[in-house]
Amino acid sequence: MTDQIKPQPGIMDIALYVGGKAKVDGVANVVKLSSNENPFGPSPAAQDAIKRAAHEVHRYPSTDHLELRTAIAQVHNLDVDRIICGVGSDEIIHFLCQAYVGQGDEVVYTEHGFSMYRISTLAAGGTPVEVPENQRMTDVDAILNGCTDRTKLVFIANPNNPTGTMIGLAEVERLAKGLPEGAILVLDGAYAEYVAGYDGGAGLVERRDNVVMTRTFSKIYGLGGMRVGWGYAPKPIIDVLNRIRGPFNLSNLALVAAEAAVRDRDYVERSRFENTRMRTWLAEALAEHGVPSDTSMGNFILARFNSPAEAHACDDFLQKEGLIVRRVDSYKLPNALRITIGDEASCRRAAHCIGQFKASRK
């Protein structure tokens, strides 16, 4: 009987997502630089909102997320009716695949793109189509060449994770204009807040009917544990996505924390400033030790080593020193380690230890 109980095609092709490591056996007081978290945590305003809301957790949350959507719209000067909220931007990505992808449909993404693009595509029964990047940069021509009349979604993260690289809005618009009819460009803006003056592609969403932007509260807002994300899209697409969104997908605590966080602009500015300062310092310090990286626009750098063996050996050395970074073999970057930008002490410690490791191999 059990032989007849089978999942939908594509499900068993999904490799389980593995998050950033948080512990090292036998090592206490580790510094976690593996998950691109804000080292300063959430803003005090968000923390206070969570404490106040704790007294109301017996109440169901709102189903329309109006207060949070209104706050997002006011802060970013957007149309509140074109915003949808989800359990991280991951859920918005999943909604898009569920709503627009089926058997025989294709979803295009780049070779070093976020692994959820492939996972959500397979979960919907679609066919993932991976296209090459150009020296770890999104290649618009490669994406357009990878599209067919079966293409339904195209995902790019800008800035990209784990490379940290970013293409300009003119190139993004060229991509949107060149897509096949009926295909949607999804701009993953998880790290958009780290780029001063960048709207994540919101303006392009408003000018076109085939562009969707996703954002998250997990990075600069320090709310990774709350799992809140949002999307901005043409109204007809928002209407479709809301039809498959669960009515209570976000908790009371998550909603009030995110609303307080998005309104605390001073905290975001301070976090961006410190991230930029230490990202520049760490990249330069590692370069002096013979470890290059591309110019990153996120809250991490992709440190490149001479070989996969050297990268893995460095990771092992760092773990023994109580530093956890991220191997990115699964992103087809086996000779690299992704290092989150922590506070100043953490960055200096990481640079010192990597310098020790490089010196020991001479």
Protein backbone atom coordinates (compact mmCIF):
# COMPACT_ATOMS: atom_id res chain seq x y z
CA MET A 1 0.00 0.00 0.00
CA THR A 2 2.78 2.45 0.94
CA ASP A 3 4.36 2.03 -2.51
CA GLN A 4 1.34 3.86 -3.88
CA ILE A 5 1.82 6.87 -1.57
CA LYS A 6 4.09 9.15 -3.55
CA PRO A 7 4.83 12.89 -3.44
CA GLN A 8 4.35 15.14 -6.44
CA PRO A 9 7.10 15.09 -9.09
CA GLY A 10 10.07 17.24 -8.13
CA ILE A 11 9.66 17.01 -4.37
CA MET A 12 12.27 14.29 -3.86
CA ASP A 13 14.73 16.25 -6.02
CA ILE A 14 14.88 18.94 -3.35
CA ALA A 15 18.01 18.94 -1.24
CA LEU A 16 17.24 20.04 2.32
CA TYR A 17 18.19 23.64 3.05
CA VAL A 18 21.05 23.90 5.55
CA GLY A 19 21.27 27.10 7.55
CA GLY A 20 24.40 28.74 8.88
CA LYS A 21 26.16 26.79 11.60
CA ALA A 22 25.68 28.18 15.12
CA LYS A 23 27.74 25.88 17.36
CA VAL A 24 31.13 24.17 17.42
CA ASP A 25 31.51 21.03 19.52
CA GLY A 26 33.90 21.59 22.39
CA VAL A 27 34.23 25.35 21.82
CA ALA A 28 32.48 27.85 24.08
CA ASN A 29 31.68 31.51 23.39
CA VAL A 30 31.78 31.20 19.62
CA VAL A 31 31.34 34.21 17.33
CA LYS A 32 28.72 33.44 14.70
CA LEU A 33 29.46 35.05 11.33
CA SER A 34 27.62 32.51 9.20
CA SER A 35 24.04 33.75 8.70
CA ASN A 36 24.28 37.44 7.71
CA GLU A 37 22.60 38.58 10.91
CA ASN A 38 22.76 42.14 12.25
CA PRO A 39 25.36 41.90 15.06
CA PHE A 40 23.52 44.61 17.01
CA GLY A 41 20.22 42.72 17.04
CA PRO A 42 16.81 44.40 16.64
CA SER A 43 16.21 48.03 17.50
CA PRO A 44 15.14 48.89 21.05
CA ALA A 45 11.81 50.05 19.60
CA ALA A 46 11.17 46.60 18.16
CA GLN A 47 12.15 44.94 21.43
CA ASP A 48 9.76 47.17 23.37
CA ALA A 49 6.94 46.40 20.93
CA ILE A 50 7.49 42.67 21.42
CA LYS A 51 7.35 43.02 25.21
CA ARG A 52 4.09 44.98 25.05
CA ALA A 53 2.51 42.53 22.60
CA ALA A 54 3.40 39.53 24.77
CA HIS A 55 0.30 40.27 26.86
CA GLU A 56 -1.95 39.79 23.82
CA VAL A 57 -0.65 36.55 22.34
CA HIS A 58 -3.93 34.81 23.14
CA ARG A 59 -5.54 36.99 20.45
CA TYR A 60 -5.45 36.06 16.77
CA PRO A 61 -3.38 38.40 14.61
CA SER A 62 -4.89 40.52 11.86
CA THR A 63 -5.46 38.79 8.55
CA ASP A 64 -4.70 41.79 6.34
CA HIS A 65 -1.50 43.05 8.08
CA LEU A 66 -2.78 46.57 7.46
CA GLU A 67 -0.77 48.29 10.22
CA LEU A 68 2.50 46.78 9.03
CA ARG A 69 1.73 47.37 5.35
CA THR A 70 0.86 50.98 6.15
CA ALA A 71 4.15 51.49 7.98
CA ILE A 72 6.11 49.98 5.07
CA ALA A 73 4.21 52.12 2.58
CA GLN A 74 4.80 55.32 4.55
CA VAL A 75 8.51 54.71 5.13
CA HIS A 76 9.24 53.68 1.53
CA ASN A 77 6.62 55.90 -0.17
CA LEU A 78 4.78 52.95 -1.71
CA ASP A 79 1.17 52.00 -2.47
CA VAL A 80 -0.14 50.11 0.56
CA ASP A 81 -2.47 48.03 -1.63
CA ARG A 82 0.46 46.62 -3.59
CA ILE A 83 2.25 45.20 -0.52
CA ILE A 84 1.98 41.62 0.74
CA CYS A 85 3.59 40.28 3.93
CA GLY A 86 4.90 36.79 4.51
CA VAL A 87 6.97 34.51 6.71
CA GLY A 88 10.26 35.96 5.55
CA SER A 89 10.77 36.80 1.89
CA ASP A 90 11.10 33.00 1.47
CA GLU A 91 7.33 32.68 1.73
CA ILE A 92 6.76 35.36 -0.93
CA ILE A 93 9.14 33.44 -3.22
CA HIS A 94 7.17 30.27 -2.50
CA PHE A 95 3.85 32.02 -3.18
CA LEU A 96 5.11 33.20 -6.57
CA CYS A 97 6.16 29.69 -7.59
CA GLN A 98 2.95 28.16 -6.26
CA ALA A 99 0.80 30.68 -8.13
CA TYR A 100 2.61 30.91 -11.46
CA VAL A 101 4.62 27.70 -11.96
CA GLY A 102 3.45 24.20 -12.82
CA GLN A 103 4.46 21.11 -14.75
CA GLY A 104 6.40 22.07 -17.88
CA ASP A 105 7.05 25.64 -16.71
CA GLU A 106 10.58 26.96 -16.21
CA VAL A 107 12.13 29.25 -13.60
CA VAL A 108 15.44 30.96 -14.37
CA TYR A 109 18.07 32.00 -11.81
CA THR A 110 21.84 32.47 -11.77
CA GLU A 111 24.45 29.88 -10.82
CA HIS A 112 25.31 31.48 -7.48
CA GLY A 113 21.73 32.49 -6.67
CA PHE A 114 19.79 31.86 -3.45
CA SER A 115 18.98 28.15 -3.04
CA MET A 116 15.28 28.81 -2.28
CA TYR A 117 14.69 29.65 -5.95
CA ARG A 118 15.38 26.06 -6.94
CA ILE A 119 13.61 24.59 -3.91
CA SER A 120 10.38 26.54 -4.45
CA THR A 121 10.44 25.79 -8.18
CA LEU A 122 10.70 22.05 -7.61
CA ALA A 123 8.03 22.19 -4.90
CA ALA A 124 5.65 23.69 -7.47
CA GLY A 125 6.48 21.04 -10.05
CA GLY A 126 8.43 23.40 -12.28
CA THR A 127 11.80 23.04 -13.98
CA PRO A 128 14.76 25.01 -12.56
CA VAL A 129 16.98 26.62 -15.20
CA GLU A 130 20.37 27.78 -13.95
CA VAL A 131 22.37 30.25 -16.06
CA PRO A 132 26.02 31.30 -15.67
CA GLU A 133 27.24 34.46 -14.01
CA ASN A 134 30.13 36.59 -15.28
CA GLN A 135 32.90 36.59 -12.68
CA ARG A 136 30.32 36.22 -9.89
CA MET A 137 28.18 39.01 -11.36
CA THR A 138 24.62 38.67 -12.63
CA ASP A 139 24.80 38.43 -16.44
CA VAL A 140 21.67 39.86 -18.05
CA ASP A 141 22.46 38.45 -21.47
CA ALA A 142 22.97 34.95 -20.03
CA ILE A 143 19.59 35.20 -18.30
CA LEU A 144 17.82 36.35 -21.46
CA ASN A 145 19.48 33.57 -23.44
CA GLY A 146 18.24 31.08 -20.84
CA CYS A 147 14.62 32.16 -21.22
CA THR A 148 12.12 30.35 -23.45
CA ASP A 149 8.39 30.52 -24.07
CA ARG A 150 8.08 28.23 -21.02
CA THR A 151 9.74 30.72 -18.66
CA LYS A 152 7.35 31.94 -15.97
CA LEU A 153 9.66 33.47 -13.34
CA VAL A 154 13.18 34.92 -13.33
CA PHE A 155 14.85 35.44 -9.95
CA ILE A 156 17.81 37.70 -9.27
CA ALA A 157 19.06 38.92 -5.90
CA ASN A 158 20.46 42.44 -6.11
CA PRO A 159 22.77 42.64 -4.15
CA ASN A 160 23.35 38.92 -4.56
CA ASN A 161 23.96 36.40 -1.81
CA PRO A 162 26.57 34.88 -1.38
CA THR A 163 28.69 36.94 -3.79
CA GLY A 164 27.72 40.42 -2.53
CA THR A 165 27.84 41.79 -6.08
CA MET A 166 25.22 44.04 -7.63
CA ILE A 167 24.17 45.24 -11.09
CA GLY A 168 22.81 48.71 -11.87
CA LEU A 169 19.17 49.58 -12.34
CA ALA A 170 19.66 50.20 -16.07
CA GLU A 171 20.71 46.56 -16.47
CA VAL A 172 17.80 45.40 -14.31
CA GLU A 173 15.39 47.36 -16.49
CA ARG A 174 16.95 45.92 -19.65
CA LEU A 175 16.32 42.48 -18.21
CA ALA A 176 12.69 43.28 -17.41
CA LYS A 177 12.09 44.64 -20.91
CA GLY A 178 13.71 41.61 -22.56
CA LEU A 179 11.75 38.87 -20.80
CA PRO A 180 9.33 36.69 -22.77
CA GLU A 181 5.71 37.75 -22.67
CA GLY A 182 4.02 36.33 -19.58
CA ALA A 183 7.22 36.00 -17.54
CA ILE A 184 7.75 37.82 -14.23
CA LEU A 185 11.05 39.27 -13.01
CA VAL A 186 11.46 38.84 -9.24
CA LEU A 187 13.96 41.20 -7.62
CA ASP A 188 15.12 39.74 -4.32
CA GLY A 189 16.03 42.76 -2.20
CA ALA A 190 17.00 41.02 1.04
CA TYR A 191 20.12 43.20 1.24
CA ALA A 192 18.72 46.35 -0.38
CA GLU A 193 18.83 48.36 2.85
CA TYR A 194 22.61 48.08 2.93
CA VAL A 195 22.86 50.18 -0.24
CA ALA A 196 22.27 53.86 0.55
CA GLY A 197 19.67 55.46 -1.71
CA TYR A 198 18.65 52.19 -3.35
CA ASP A 199 14.93 51.43 -3.59
CA GLY A 200 15.38 47.71 -4.23
CA GLY A 201 13.64 48.05 -7.57
CA ALA A 202 10.38 49.50 -6.22
CA GLY A 203 10.35 52.23 -8.87
CA LEU A 204 10.66 49.61 -11.59
CA VAL A 205 7.74 47.69 -10.09
CA GLU A 206 5.62 50.81 -10.40
CA ARG A 207 6.63 51.41 -14.05
CA ARG A 208 6.10 47.87 -15.30
CA ASP A 209 3.54 45.09 -15.00
CA ASN A 210 6.05 42.19 -14.98
CA VAL A 211 8.28 43.01 -11.99
CA VAL A 212 7.96 41.96 -8.33
CA MET A 213 10.24 43.03 -5.48
CA THR A 214 10.77 41.02 -2.28
CA ARG A 215 12.28 42.34 0.95
CA THR A 216 12.98 41.00 4.43
CA PHE A 217 13.20 42.05 8.07
CA SER A 218 15.78 39.35 8.78
CA LYS A 219 18.91 41.30 7.85
CA ILE A 220 19.43 44.98 8.69
CA TYR A 221 16.36 45.03 10.97
CA GLY A 222 17.73 42.17 13.08
CA LEU A 223 14.48 40.18 13.14
CA GLY A 224 15.63 36.88 11.63
CA GLY A 225 14.02 34.94 14.46
CA MET A 226 10.65 36.63 13.87
CA ARG A 227 10.45 35.59 10.20
CA VAL A 228 8.88 38.58 8.47
CA GLY A 229 9.21 39.55 4.83
CA TRP A 230 7.22 41.47 2.28
CA GLY A 231 6.71 41.90 -1.42
CA TYR A 232 5.77 44.78 -3.71
CA ALA A 233 4.08 43.99 -7.01
CA PRO A 234 1.46 45.10 -9.52
CA LYS A 235 -2.00 44.93 -7.96
CA PRO A 236 -3.20 41.95 -10.09
CA ILE A 237 -0.24 39.87 -8.87
CA ILE A 238 -0.84 40.87 -5.25
CA ASP A 239 -4.46 39.79 -5.65
CA VAL A 240 -3.33 36.36 -6.88
CA LEU A 241 -0.79 35.89 -4.07
CA ASN A 242 -3.26 36.87 -1.36
CA ARG A 243 -5.58 34.09 -2.51
CA ILE A 244 -3.02 31.46 -1.49
CA ARG A 245 -1.61 33.24 1.55
CA GLY A 246 -2.73 31.75 4.85
CA PRO A 247 -4.93 34.21 6.76
CA PHE A 248 -2.83 34.07 9.93
CA ASN A 249 0.64 33.57 8.44
CA LEU A 250 2.26 36.20 10.70
CA SER A 251 2.01 36.30 14.48
CA ASN A 252 1.10 39.31 16.61
CA LEU A 253 4.67 39.52 17.88
CA ALA A 254 6.12 39.44 14.39
CA LEU A 255 3.74 42.11 13.10
CA VAL A 256 4.37 44.64 15.87
CA ALA A 257 8.11 44.02 15.89
CA ALA A 258 8.38 44.61 12.15
CA GLU A 259 6.22 47.73 12.28
CA ALA A 260 8.38 49.25 15.03
CA ALA A 261 11.57 48.22 13.22
CA VAL A 262 10.66 49.74 9.86
CA ARG A 263 9.73 53.04 11.50
CA ASP A 264 13.03 53.27 13.42
CA ARG A 265 14.98 54.89 10.59
CA ASP A 266 17.80 56.10 12.83
CA TYR A 267 18.60 52.54 13.84
CA VAL A 268 18.70 51.43 10.21
CA GLU A 269 21.03 54.30 9.33
CA ARG A 270 23.41 53.46 12.18
CA SER A 271 23.42 49.78 11.25
CA ARG A 272 24.13 50.62 7.60
CA PHE A 273 26.95 53.00 8.55
CA GLU A 274 28.65 50.48 10.84
CA ASN A 275 28.24 47.70 8.30
CA THR A 276 29.81 49.79 5.53
CA ARG A 277 32.68 50.86 7.78
CA MET A 278 33.60 47.37 8.95
CA ARG A 279 32.92 45.72 5.58
CA THR A 280 35.47 48.03 3.97
CA TRP A 281 37.95 47.45 6.77
CA LEU A 282 37.59 43.65 6.71
CA ALA A 283 37.89 43.39 2.93
CA GLU A 284 41.08 45.47 2.98
CA ALA A 285 42.53 43.55 5.93
CA LEU A 286 41.94 40.19 4.26
CA ALA A 287 43.37 41.46 0.97
CA GLU A 288 46.58 42.29 2.81
CA HIS A 289 46.70 38.64 3.88
CA GLY A 290 46.30 37.48 0.29
CA VAL A 291 42.57 36.76 0.52
CA PRO A 292 40.68 38.77 -2.14
CA SER A 293 36.96 39.47 -2.38
CA ASP A 294 34.66 41.21 -4.85
CA THR A 295 33.21 44.57 -3.85
CA SER A 296 30.29 43.61 -1.63
CA MET A 297 27.12 45.63 -1.23
CA GLY A 298 25.64 43.39 1.47
CA ASN A 299 26.44 42.67 5.11
CA PHE A 300 29.04 40.04 4.26
CA ILE A 301 32.05 39.45 2.07
CA LEU A 302 32.92 36.43 -0.04
CA ALA A 303 36.53 35.66 0.84
CA ARG A 304 38.26 33.71 -1.93
CA PHE A 305 41.10 31.25 -1.36
CA ASN A 306 43.50 29.51 -3.71
CA SER A 307 41.65 26.20 -3.68
CA PRO A 308 38.73 24.39 -2.06
CA ALA A 309 41.20 22.57 0.18
CA GLU A 310 42.61 25.85 1.47
CA ALA A 311 39.13 27.30 2.05
CA HIS A 312 38.05 24.23 4.00
CA ALA A 313 41.27 24.21 6.02
CA CYS A 314 40.76 27.86 6.90
CA ASP A 315 37.19 27.15 7.99
CA ASP A 316 38.42 24.33 10.22
CA PHE A 317 41.06 26.63 11.72
CA LEU A 318 38.52 29.37 12.39
CA GLN A 319 36.15 26.96 14.09
CA LYS A 320 38.91 25.87 16.46
CA GLU A 321 39.40 29.55 17.26
CA GLY A 322 35.69 29.96 17.98
CA LEU A 323 34.72 31.70 14.72
CA ILE A 324 31.90 30.32 12.58
CA VAL A 325 31.72 31.44 8.95
CA ARG A 326 29.85 29.88 6.02
CA ARG A 327 31.17 27.40 3.51
CA VAL A 328 29.48 27.98 0.14
CA ASP A 329 30.25 24.77 -1.73
CA SER A 330 26.51 24.30 -2.34
CA TYR A 331 26.52 27.63 -4.19
CA LYS A 332 29.27 26.31 -6.49
CA LEU A 333 31.92 28.40 -4.76
CA PRO A 334 34.02 25.72 -3.04
CA ASN A 335 37.14 27.90 -2.86
CA ALA A 336 35.37 30.63 -0.87
CA LEU A 337 34.01 31.40 2.59
CA ARG A 338 31.20 33.85 3.22
CA ILE A 339 31.90 36.00 6.27
CA THR A 340 29.15 38.07 7.87
CA ILE A 341 30.13 41.58 8.91
CA GLY A 342 29.96 41.49 12.69
CA ASP A 343 30.78 44.20 15.19
CA GLU A 344 34.28 45.69 15.17
CA ALA A 345 35.72 43.22 17.66
CA SER A 346 34.42 40.24 15.67
CA CYS A 347 35.76 41.58 12.37
CA ARG A 348 39.17 42.26 13.84
CA ARG A 349 39.26 38.81 15.38
CA ALA A 350 38.30 37.19 12.05
CA ALA A 351 41.00 39.11 10.16
CA HIS A 352 43.62 38.24 12.77
CA CYS A 353 42.80 34.53 12.69
CA ILE A 354 42.73 34.36 8.90
CA GLY A 355 46.08 36.14 8.89
CA GLN A 356 47.43 33.53 11.30
CA PHE A 357 46.11 30.76 9.09
CA LYS A 358 47.68 32.19 5.92
CA ALA A 359 51.01 32.75 7.67
CA SER A 360 51.08 29.14 8.88
CA ARG A 361 50.89 27.87 5.30
CA LYS A 362 53.89 29.79 3.97
